[in-house]
């Protein structure tokens, strides 16, 4: 069986409108320029820092 016969992946990307954007510094910290896509994590990083040491 040859791997060439199978599709490995296929992506469908919905076009994103450029509205309600973060400023560049905030976007770099949050990992996206789109406010619609950003969600706060349900926990705080400080809560887990002791466990990681």
PDB file of N, CA and C in Angstrom:
ATOM      1  N   UNK A   1       0.840  -1.178   0.000  1.00  0.00           N
ATOM      2  CA  UNK A   1       0.000   0.000   0.000  1.00  0.00           C
ATOM      3  C   UNK A   1       0.888   1.245   0.000  1.00  0.00           C
ATOM      4  N   UNK A   2       0.624   2.138  -0.908  1.00  0.00           N
ATOM      5  CA  UNK A   2       1.425   3.350  -1.036  1.00  0.00           C
ATOM      6  C   UNK A   2       0.765   4.518  -0.293  1.00  0.00           C
ATOM      7  N   UNK A   3       1.577   5.296   0.393  1.00  0.00           N
ATOM      8  CA  UNK A   3       1.090   6.469   1.127  1.00  0.00           C
ATOM      9  C   UNK A   3       0.613   7.547   0.150  1.00  0.00           C
ATOM     10  N   UNK A   4       1.108   7.554  -1.041  1.00  0.00           N
ATOM     11  CA  UNK A   4       0.746   8.575  -2.021  1.00  0.00           C
ATOM     12  C   UNK A   4      -0.740   8.543  -2.380  1.00  0.00           C
ATOM     13  N   UNK A   5      -1.424   7.466  -2.082  1.00  0.00           N
ATOM     14  CA  UNK A   5      -2.843   7.353  -2.416  1.00  0.00           C
ATOM     15  C   UNK A   5      -3.742   8.083  -1.422  1.00  0.00           C
ATOM     16  N   UNK A   6      -3.222   8.449  -0.261  1.00  0.00           N
ATOM     17  CA  UNK A   6      -4.028   9.039   0.793  1.00  0.00           C
ATOM     18  C   UNK A   6      -3.728  10.527   0.963  1.00  0.00           C
ATOM     19  N   UNK A   7      -4.787  11.294   1.238  1.00  0.00           N
ATOM     20  CA  UNK A   7      -4.596  12.688   1.622  1.00  0.00           C
ATOM     21  C   UNK A   7      -4.232  12.702   3.095  1.00  0.00           C
ATOM     22  N   UNK A   8      -3.194  13.420   3.475  1.00  0.00           N
ATOM     23  CA  UNK A   8      -2.792  13.485   4.867  1.00  0.00           C
ATOM     24  C   UNK A   8      -3.662  14.442   5.664  1.00  0.00           C
ATOM     25  N   UNK A   9      -4.016  15.572   5.065  1.00  0.00           N
ATOM     26  CA  UNK A   9      -4.840  16.553   5.766  1.00  0.00           C
ATOM     27  C   UNK A   9      -5.419  17.538   4.763  1.00  0.00           C
ATOM     28  N   UNK A  10      -6.500  18.140   5.182  1.00  0.00           N
ATOM     29  CA  UNK A  10      -7.122  19.165   4.370  1.00  0.00           C
ATOM     30  C   UNK A  10      -7.700  20.201   5.324  1.00  0.00           C
ATOM     31  N   UNK A  11      -7.404  21.456   5.076  1.00  0.00           N
ATOM     32  CA  UNK A  11      -7.858  22.516   5.977  1.00  0.00           C
ATOM     33  C   UNK A  11      -8.905  23.385   5.295  1.00  0.00           C
ATOM     34  N   UNK A  12      -9.843  23.829   6.102  1.00  0.00           N
ATOM     35  CA  UNK A  12     -10.831  24.796   5.637  1.00  0.00           C
ATOM     36  C   UNK A  12     -10.689  26.015   6.526  1.00  0.00           C
ATOM     37  N   UNK A  13     -10.342  27.138   5.938  1.00  0.00           N
ATOM     38  CA  UNK A  13     -10.107  28.356   6.704  1.00  0.00           C
ATOM     39  C   UNK A  13     -11.140  29.398   6.301  1.00  0.00           C
ATOM     40  N   UNK A  14     -11.905  29.856   7.277  1.00  0.00           N
ATOM     41  CA  UNK A  14     -12.902  30.884   7.015  1.00  0.00           C
ATOM     42  C   UNK A  14     -12.194  32.238   6.968  1.00  0.00           C
ATOM     43  N   UNK A  15     -12.455  33.047   5.971  1.00  0.00           N
ATOM     44  CA  UNK A  15     -11.823  34.375   5.916  1.00  0.00           C
ATOM     45  C   UNK A  15     -12.171  35.198   7.159  1.00  0.00           C
ATOM     46  N   UNK A  16     -11.173  35.831   7.727  1.00  0.00           N
ATOM     47  CA  UNK A  16     -11.349  36.636   8.946  1.00  0.00           C
ATOM     48  C   UNK A  16     -11.399  38.110   8.557  1.00  0.00           C
ATOM     49  N   UNK A  17     -12.413  38.815   9.033  1.00  0.00           N
ATOM     50  CA  UNK A  17     -12.496  40.249   8.785  1.00  0.00           C
ATOM     51  C   UNK A  17     -11.549  40.973   9.740  1.00  0.00           C
ATOM     52  N   UNK A  18     -10.879  41.980   9.233  1.00  0.00           N
ATOM     53  CA  UNK A  18      -9.942  42.755  10.046  1.00  0.00           C
ATOM     54  C   UNK A  18     -10.691  43.882  10.750  1.00  0.00           C
ATOM     55  N   UNK A  19     -11.335  43.534  11.887  1.00  0.00           N
ATOM     56  CA  UNK A  19     -12.060  44.526  12.675  1.00  0.00           C
ATOM     57  C   UNK A  19     -11.829  44.245  14.153  1.00  0.00           C
ATOM     58  N   UNK A  20     -11.968  45.244  14.962  1.00  0.00           N
ATOM     59  CA  UNK A  20     -11.814  45.124  16.410  1.00  0.00           C
ATOM     60  C   UNK A  20     -10.507  44.408  16.763  1.00  0.00           C
ATOM     61  N   UNK A  21      -9.387  45.003  16.350  1.00  0.00           N
ATOM     62  CA  UNK A  21      -8.071  44.391  16.517  1.00  0.00           C
ATOM     63  C   UNK A  21      -7.354  44.902  17.763  1.00  0.00           C
ATOM     64  N   UNK A  22      -6.458  44.062  18.309  1.00  0.00           N
ATOM     65  CA  UNK A  22      -5.565  44.494  19.376  1.00  0.00           C
ATOM     66  C   UNK A  22      -4.471  45.370  18.777  1.00  0.00           C
ATOM     67  N   UNK A  23      -3.917  46.276  19.581  1.00  0.00           N
ATOM     68  CA  UNK A  23      -2.738  47.010  19.130  1.00  0.00           C
ATOM     69  C   UNK A  23      -1.571  46.016  19.071  1.00  0.00           C
ATOM     70  N   UNK A  24      -0.500  46.367  18.398  1.00  0.00           N
ATOM     71  CA  UNK A  24       0.581  45.420  18.105  1.00  0.00           C
ATOM     72  C   UNK A  24       1.234  44.846  19.359  1.00  0.00           C
ATOM     73  N   UNK A  25       1.475  45.647  20.378  1.00  0.00           N
ATOM     74  CA  UNK A  25       2.111  45.140  21.604  1.00  0.00           C
ATOM     75  C   UNK A  25       1.211  44.137  22.321  1.00  0.00           C
ATOM     76  N   UNK A  26      -0.071  44.464  22.431  1.00  0.00           N
ATOM     77  CA  UNK A  26      -1.024  43.556  23.074  1.00  0.00           C
ATOM     78  C   UNK A  26      -1.165  42.274  22.258  1.00  0.00           C
ATOM     79  N   UNK A  27      -1.218  42.412  20.947  1.00  0.00           N
ATOM     80  CA  UNK A  27      -1.351  41.241  20.069  1.00  0.00           C
ATOM     81  C   UNK A  27      -0.174  40.284  20.237  1.00  0.00           C
ATOM     82  N   UNK A  28       1.027  40.814  20.362  1.00  0.00           N
ATOM     83  CA  UNK A  28       2.202  39.954  20.548  1.00  0.00           C
ATOM     84  C   UNK A  28       2.130  39.199  21.881  1.00  0.00           C
ATOM     85  N   UNK A  29       1.619  39.842  22.921  1.00  0.00           N
ATOM     86  CA  UNK A  29       1.495  39.177  24.224  1.00  0.00           C
ATOM     87  C   UNK A  29       0.396  38.115  24.213  1.00  0.00           C
ATOM     88  N   UNK A  30      -0.679  38.384  23.502  1.00  0.00           N
ATOM     89  CA  UNK A  30      -1.838  37.489  23.517  1.00  0.00           C
ATOM     90  C   UNK A  30      -1.776  36.417  22.424  1.00  0.00           C
ATOM     91  N   UNK A  31      -0.925  36.609  21.422  1.00  0.00           N
ATOM     92  CA  UNK A  31      -0.765  35.605  20.376  1.00  0.00           C
ATOM     93  C   UNK A  31      -1.737  35.718  19.222  1.00  0.00           C
ATOM     94  N   UNK A  32      -2.511  36.787  19.152  1.00  0.00           N
ATOM     95  CA  UNK A  32      -3.435  37.020  18.036  1.00  0.00           C
ATOM     96  C   UNK A  32      -3.730  38.508  17.946  1.00  0.00           C
ATOM     97  N   UNK A  33      -4.042  38.964  16.739  1.00  0.00           N
ATOM     98  CA  UNK A  33      -4.456  40.359  16.596  1.00  0.00           C
ATOM     99  C   UNK A  33      -5.972  40.490  16.724  1.00  0.00           C
ATOM    100  N   UNK A  34      -6.685  39.376  16.630  1.00  0.00           N
ATOM    101  CA  UNK A  34      -8.141  39.399  16.620  1.00  0.00           C
ATOM    102  C   UNK A  34      -8.724  39.248  18.028  1.00  0.00           C
ATOM    103  N   UNK A  35      -9.409  40.288  18.511  1.00  0.00           N
ATOM    104  CA  UNK A  35     -10.023  40.226  19.837  1.00  0.00           C
ATOM    105  C   UNK A  35     -11.063  39.113  19.909  1.00  0.00           C
ATOM    106  N   UNK A  36     -11.737  38.822  18.798  1.00  0.00           N
ATOM    107  CA  UNK A  36     -12.757  37.767  18.763  1.00  0.00           C
ATOM    108  C   UNK A  36     -12.181  36.381  19.042  1.00  0.00           C
ATOM    109  N   UNK A  37     -10.907  36.178  18.721  1.00  0.00           N
ATOM    110  CA  UNK A  37     -10.299  34.856  18.872  1.00  0.00           C
ATOM    111  C   UNK A  37      -9.630  34.645  20.222  1.00  0.00           C
ATOM    112  N   UNK A  38      -9.425  35.718  20.973  1.00  0.00           N
ATOM    113  CA  UNK A  38      -8.696  35.603  22.232  1.00  0.00           C
ATOM    114  C   UNK A  38      -9.616  35.229  23.383  1.00  0.00           C
ATOM    115  N   UNK A  39      -9.183  34.241  24.181  1.00  0.00           N
ATOM    116  CA  UNK A  39      -9.896  33.859  25.401  1.00  0.00           C
ATOM    117  C   UNK A  39      -8.893  33.764  26.534  1.00  0.00           C
ATOM    118  N   UNK A  40      -9.271  34.258  27.688  1.00  0.00           N
ATOM    119  CA  UNK A  40      -8.425  34.121  28.871  1.00  0.00           C
ATOM    120  C   UNK A  40      -8.404  32.654  29.295  1.00  0.00           C
ATOM    121  N   UNK A  41      -7.287  32.211  29.831  1.00  0.00           N
ATOM    122  CA  UNK A  41      -7.217  30.862  30.372  1.00  0.00           C
ATOM    123  C   UNK A  41      -8.001  30.813  31.677  1.00  0.00           C
ATOM    124  N   UNK A  42      -8.624  29.674  31.984  1.00  0.00           N
ATOM    125  CA  UNK A  42      -9.439  29.586  33.204  1.00  0.00           C
ATOM    126  C   UNK A  42      -8.615  29.489  34.485  1.00  0.00           C
ATOM    127  N   UNK A  43      -7.298  29.501  34.388  1.00  0.00           N
ATOM    128  CA  UNK A  43      -6.441  29.446  35.567  1.00  0.00           C
ATOM    129  C   UNK A  43      -5.345  30.488  35.411  1.00  0.00           C
ATOM    130  N   UNK A  44      -4.695  30.787  36.507  1.00  0.00           N
ATOM    131  CA  UNK A  44      -3.597  31.749  36.483  1.00  0.00           C
ATOM    132  C   UNK A  44      -2.271  31.009  36.471  1.00  0.00           C
ATOM    133  N   UNK A  45      -1.322  31.520  35.741  1.00  0.00           N
ATOM    134  CA  UNK A  45      -0.004  30.891  35.653  1.00  0.00           C
ATOM    135  C   UNK A  45       0.652  30.794  37.030  1.00  0.00           C
ATOM    136  N   UNK A  46       0.474  31.832  37.853  1.00  0.00           N
ATOM    137  CA  UNK A  46       1.086  31.862  39.176  1.00  0.00           C
ATOM    138  C   UNK A  46       0.637  30.675  40.030  1.00  0.00           C
ATOM    139  N   UNK A  47      -0.575  30.188  39.798  1.00  0.00           N
ATOM    140  CA  UNK A  47      -1.109  29.064  40.573  1.00  0.00           C
ATOM    141  C   UNK A  47      -0.305  27.784  40.358  1.00  0.00           C
ATOM    142  N   UNK A  48       0.396  27.685  39.220  1.00  0.00           N
ATOM    143  CA  UNK A  48       1.100  26.453  38.873  1.00  0.00           C
ATOM    144  C   UNK A  48       2.619  26.577  38.887  1.00  0.00           C
ATOM    145  N   UNK A  49       3.138  27.745  39.184  1.00  0.00           N
ATOM    146  CA  UNK A  49       4.588  27.944  39.144  1.00  0.00           C
ATOM    147  C   UNK A  49       5.314  27.060  40.165  1.00  0.00           C
ATOM    148  N   UNK A  50       4.763  26.876  41.357  1.00  0.00           N
ATOM    149  CA  UNK A  50       5.412  26.037  42.373  1.00  0.00           C
ATOM    150  C   UNK A  50       5.465  24.574  41.950  1.00  0.00           C
ATOM    151  N   UNK A  51       4.445  24.103  41.245  1.00  0.00           N
ATOM    152  CA  UNK A  51       4.380  22.710  40.808  1.00  0.00           C
ATOM    153  C   UNK A  51       5.403  22.413  39.718  1.00  0.00           C
ATOM    154  N   UNK A  52       5.811  23.419  38.978  1.00  0.00           N
ATOM    155  CA  UNK A  52       6.737  23.232  37.866  1.00  0.00           C
ATOM    156  C   UNK A  52       8.193  23.206  38.315  1.00  0.00           C
ATOM    157  N   UNK A  53       8.458  23.585  39.541  1.00  0.00           N
ATOM    158  CA  UNK A  53       9.855  23.641  40.014  1.00  0.00           C
ATOM    159  C   UNK A  53      10.311  22.324  40.544  1.00  0.00           C
TER     160      UNK A  53
END
